[in-house]
């Protein structure tokens, strides 16, 4: 009789004839008989497994036609603007101990990044100046900046530490949720 978890018993035949009892494997062990008469797990005999072994040498061979040098990717200007803003915002907040309240709080950090005119740089994909939400912390889930108009019904926004692409409804929800975080959980009651 098989032990629990290593298979199941299948009975064939009717009540008037002797019954044939056959072991059906559910175990991946290699010595367990399968219904097809073979031993071992059916996974290891699958076409996908054999294909994986056939393609394995390609994994280690590298790409013979690929460049071994650095790859340079040019980010769109609006993405660079958001990334620079996130960096300056975080540095200003860490130095001051609270989120920036105006552009004057951010200017020293833009100057360190060699950005002399941050107002000119801080434009979205729509070409409009970014909407900066002064006094919001980048540490939570507050929206600290977003595009004014957006393109194609969606706007880029900095939500906490992340750059997200949101439709108007999701942006408004993120603003509401970030401005009104859930209250902290109450401390456990002493029993």
Protein backbone atom coordinates (compact mmCIF):
# COMPACT_ATOMS: atom_id res chain seq x y z
CA UNK A 1 0.00 0.00 0.00
CA UNK A 2 1.47 3.42 -0.89
CA UNK A 3 2.12 5.91 1.83
CA UNK A 4 0.13 9.15 1.96
CA UNK A 5 1.33 11.82 -0.40
CA UNK A 6 3.18 9.45 -2.78
CA UNK A 7 0.31 8.49 -5.03
CA UNK A 8 -3.25 7.38 -5.20
CA UNK A 9 -4.92 4.09 -5.95
CA UNK A 10 -7.07 3.79 -9.07
CA UNK A 11 -9.51 0.90 -9.27
CA UNK A 12 -10.72 -0.43 -12.58
CA UNK A 13 -13.35 -3.01 -13.38
CA UNK A 14 -16.88 -3.79 -12.28
CA UNK A 15 -18.11 -5.50 -9.16
CA UNK A 16 -18.63 -8.88 -10.95
CA UNK A 17 -15.03 -9.17 -12.18
CA UNK A 18 -11.77 -9.03 -10.25
CA UNK A 19 -10.53 -5.51 -9.85
CA UNK A 20 -7.23 -4.28 -11.19
CA UNK A 21 -5.35 -1.91 -8.89
CA UNK A 22 -2.90 0.51 -10.48
CA UNK A 23 -0.52 3.00 -8.83
CA UNK A 24 -0.75 6.55 -10.25
CA UNK A 25 2.21 8.75 -9.39
CA UNK A 26 1.96 12.23 -7.95
CA UNK A 27 5.53 12.14 -6.69
CA UNK A 28 8.42 13.75 -8.59
CA UNK A 29 10.77 11.01 -7.41
CA UNK A 30 12.66 9.36 -10.26
CA UNK A 31 11.94 5.78 -9.10
CA UNK A 32 8.18 6.19 -8.98
CA UNK A 33 6.37 4.43 -11.84
CA UNK A 34 4.12 6.57 -14.02
CA UNK A 35 0.98 5.54 -15.87
CA UNK A 36 2.88 5.64 -19.20
CA UNK A 37 5.23 2.91 -17.94
CA UNK A 38 8.24 5.22 -17.69
CA UNK A 39 9.99 6.15 -14.46
CA UNK A 40 10.80 9.65 -13.29
CA UNK A 41 8.97 12.91 -13.33
CA UNK A 42 7.10 13.86 -16.53
CA UNK A 43 8.59 17.37 -16.19
CA UNK A 44 12.08 16.19 -17.06
CA UNK A 45 10.90 14.51 -20.24
CA UNK A 46 8.92 17.55 -21.47
CA UNK A 47 9.83 19.40 -24.65
CA UNK A 48 10.29 22.65 -22.73
CA UNK A 49 12.88 21.09 -20.47
CA UNK A 50 14.81 19.67 -23.43
CA UNK A 51 14.64 23.06 -25.20
CA UNK A 52 16.02 24.74 -22.08
CA UNK A 53 19.04 22.44 -22.10
CA UNK A 54 19.55 23.10 -25.80
CA UNK A 55 19.57 26.89 -25.27
CA UNK A 56 21.73 26.81 -22.13
CA UNK A 57 25.05 27.31 -24.00
CA UNK A 58 23.72 30.60 -25.40
CA UNK A 59 23.40 31.91 -21.87
CA UNK A 60 27.13 31.57 -21.28
CA UNK A 61 28.37 32.46 -24.76
CA UNK A 62 27.57 36.16 -24.56
CA UNK A 63 26.46 38.23 -27.48
CA UNK A 64 29.13 38.08 -30.17
CA UNK A 65 27.78 41.08 -32.09
CA UNK A 66 27.12 43.25 -29.05
CA UNK A 67 29.27 46.17 -28.02
CA UNK A 68 31.27 45.60 -24.87
CA UNK A 69 31.38 49.36 -24.10
CA UNK A 70 28.96 51.57 -22.22
CA UNK A 71 25.45 52.23 -23.45
CA UNK A 72 24.20 55.80 -23.26
CA UNK A 73 20.48 56.47 -23.06
CA UNK A 74 19.16 60.01 -23.46
CA UNK A 75 16.20 60.59 -21.16
CA UNK A 76 13.49 63.02 -22.25
CA UNK A 77 13.83 66.53 -20.82
CA UNK A 78 10.70 66.24 -18.68
CA UNK A 79 11.99 63.05 -17.02
CA UNK A 80 15.32 64.76 -16.29
CA UNK A 81 13.40 67.71 -14.83
CA UNK A 82 11.43 65.44 -12.49
CA UNK A 83 14.55 63.52 -11.45
CA UNK A 84 16.46 66.72 -10.69
CA UNK A 85 13.48 68.05 -8.75
CA UNK A 86 13.24 64.85 -6.67
CA UNK A 87 16.93 65.03 -5.85
CA UNK A 88 16.87 68.74 -4.90
CA UNK A 89 13.63 68.27 -2.90
CA UNK A 90 15.09 65.35 -0.93
CA UNK A 91 18.36 67.18 -0.22
CA UNK A 92 16.54 70.34 0.89
CA UNK A 93 14.19 68.36 3.13
CA UNK A 94 17.03 66.39 4.72
CA UNK A 95 19.11 69.52 5.35
CA UNK A 96 16.24 71.62 6.71
CA UNK A 97 14.40 68.83 8.51
CA UNK A 98 11.12 69.70 6.79
CA UNK A 99 9.86 69.86 3.20
CA UNK A 100 10.76 72.92 1.11
CA UNK A 101 8.31 75.83 1.26
CA UNK A 102 9.41 77.75 -1.85
CA UNK A 103 11.92 77.86 -4.71
CA UNK A 104 14.45 79.66 -2.52
CA UNK A 105 14.70 76.48 -0.39
CA UNK A 106 15.60 74.46 -3.52
CA UNK A 107 17.94 76.87 -5.34
CA UNK A 108 21.13 75.95 -3.43
CA UNK A 109 20.64 72.29 -4.37
CA UNK A 110 19.96 73.10 -8.03
CA UNK A 111 23.15 75.19 -8.01
CA UNK A 112 25.09 72.16 -6.72
CA UNK A 113 23.74 70.28 -9.75
CA UNK A 114 24.89 73.20 -11.92
CA UNK A 115 21.33 74.19 -12.87
CA UNK A 116 21.38 78.01 -12.74
CA UNK A 117 17.72 78.58 -13.68
CA UNK A 118 15.54 75.81 -12.22
CA UNK A 119 12.27 77.52 -13.16
CA UNK A 120 13.22 77.27 -16.85
CA UNK A 121 14.19 73.60 -16.48
CA UNK A 122 11.17 72.48 -14.46
CA UNK A 123 8.75 71.93 -17.32
CA UNK A 124 6.67 68.90 -18.09
CA UNK A 125 6.18 67.00 -21.31
CA UNK A 126 3.32 69.41 -22.03
CA UNK A 127 5.79 72.34 -22.06
CA UNK A 128 4.09 73.98 -19.08
CA UNK A 129 5.83 74.70 -15.76
CA UNK A 130 5.43 71.89 -13.23
CA UNK A 131 2.89 72.27 -10.42
CA UNK A 132 5.01 72.18 -7.25
CA UNK A 133 3.17 71.33 -4.04
CA UNK A 134 5.23 73.13 -1.44
CA UNK A 135 5.38 71.75 2.08
CA UNK A 136 4.76 68.11 1.04
CA UNK A 137 7.20 65.46 2.23
CA UNK A 138 8.80 63.14 -0.28
CA UNK A 139 8.99 60.42 2.38
CA UNK A 140 5.33 59.44 2.35
CA UNK A 141 2.99 59.05 -0.58
CA UNK A 142 2.26 62.76 -1.10
CA UNK A 143 2.33 64.18 -4.61
CA UNK A 144 5.11 66.77 -4.52
CA UNK A 145 4.92 67.81 -8.20
CA UNK A 146 2.95 67.03 -11.36
CA UNK A 147 2.41 68.27 -14.90
CA UNK A 148 -0.16 71.02 -15.30
CA UNK A 149 -1.83 69.80 -18.51
CA UNK A 150 -0.24 66.47 -19.45
CA UNK A 151 -0.28 64.70 -22.82
CA UNK A 152 -2.83 62.20 -24.05
CA UNK A 153 -4.96 62.39 -20.92
CA UNK A 154 -2.07 61.43 -18.62
CA UNK A 155 0.32 63.39 -16.45
CA UNK A 156 3.72 62.67 -14.98
CA UNK A 157 3.84 63.12 -11.22
CA UNK A 158 6.30 62.64 -8.36
CA UNK A 159 4.49 60.60 -5.73
CA UNK A 160 6.73 60.23 -2.70
CA UNK A 161 10.01 58.97 -4.14
CA UNK A 162 8.51 57.60 -7.35
CA UNK A 163 7.92 59.09 -10.77
CA UNK A 164 4.53 57.91 -12.02
CA UNK A 165 2.48 58.37 -15.19
CA UNK A 166 -1.16 58.85 -14.08
CA UNK A 167 -4.50 59.74 -15.63
CA UNK A 168 -6.37 62.67 -14.07
CA UNK A 169 -8.55 60.46 -11.84
CA UNK A 170 -5.56 58.55 -10.45
CA UNK A 171 -3.62 61.79 -9.94
CA UNK A 172 -6.48 63.31 -7.92
CA UNK A 173 -6.76 60.10 -5.87
CA UNK A 174 -2.99 60.14 -5.21
CA UNK A 175 -3.22 63.79 -4.10
CA UNK A 176 -6.14 63.00 -1.76
CA UNK A 177 -4.50 59.86 -0.34
CA UNK A 178 -1.10 61.54 0.10
CA UNK A 179 -2.62 64.59 1.79
CA UNK A 180 -4.81 62.46 4.08
CA UNK A 181 -2.78 59.41 5.07
CA UNK A 182 -4.57 56.81 7.18
CA UNK A 183 -4.17 57.29 10.92
CA UNK A 184 -1.52 55.16 12.61
CA UNK A 185 -2.68 51.88 14.07
CA UNK A 186 -3.59 52.12 17.75
CA UNK A 187 -1.13 50.53 20.19
CA UNK A 188 -2.03 47.01 21.31
CA UNK A 189 -4.22 46.87 24.41
CA UNK A 190 -2.56 45.57 27.57
CA UNK A 191 -4.30 42.57 28.93
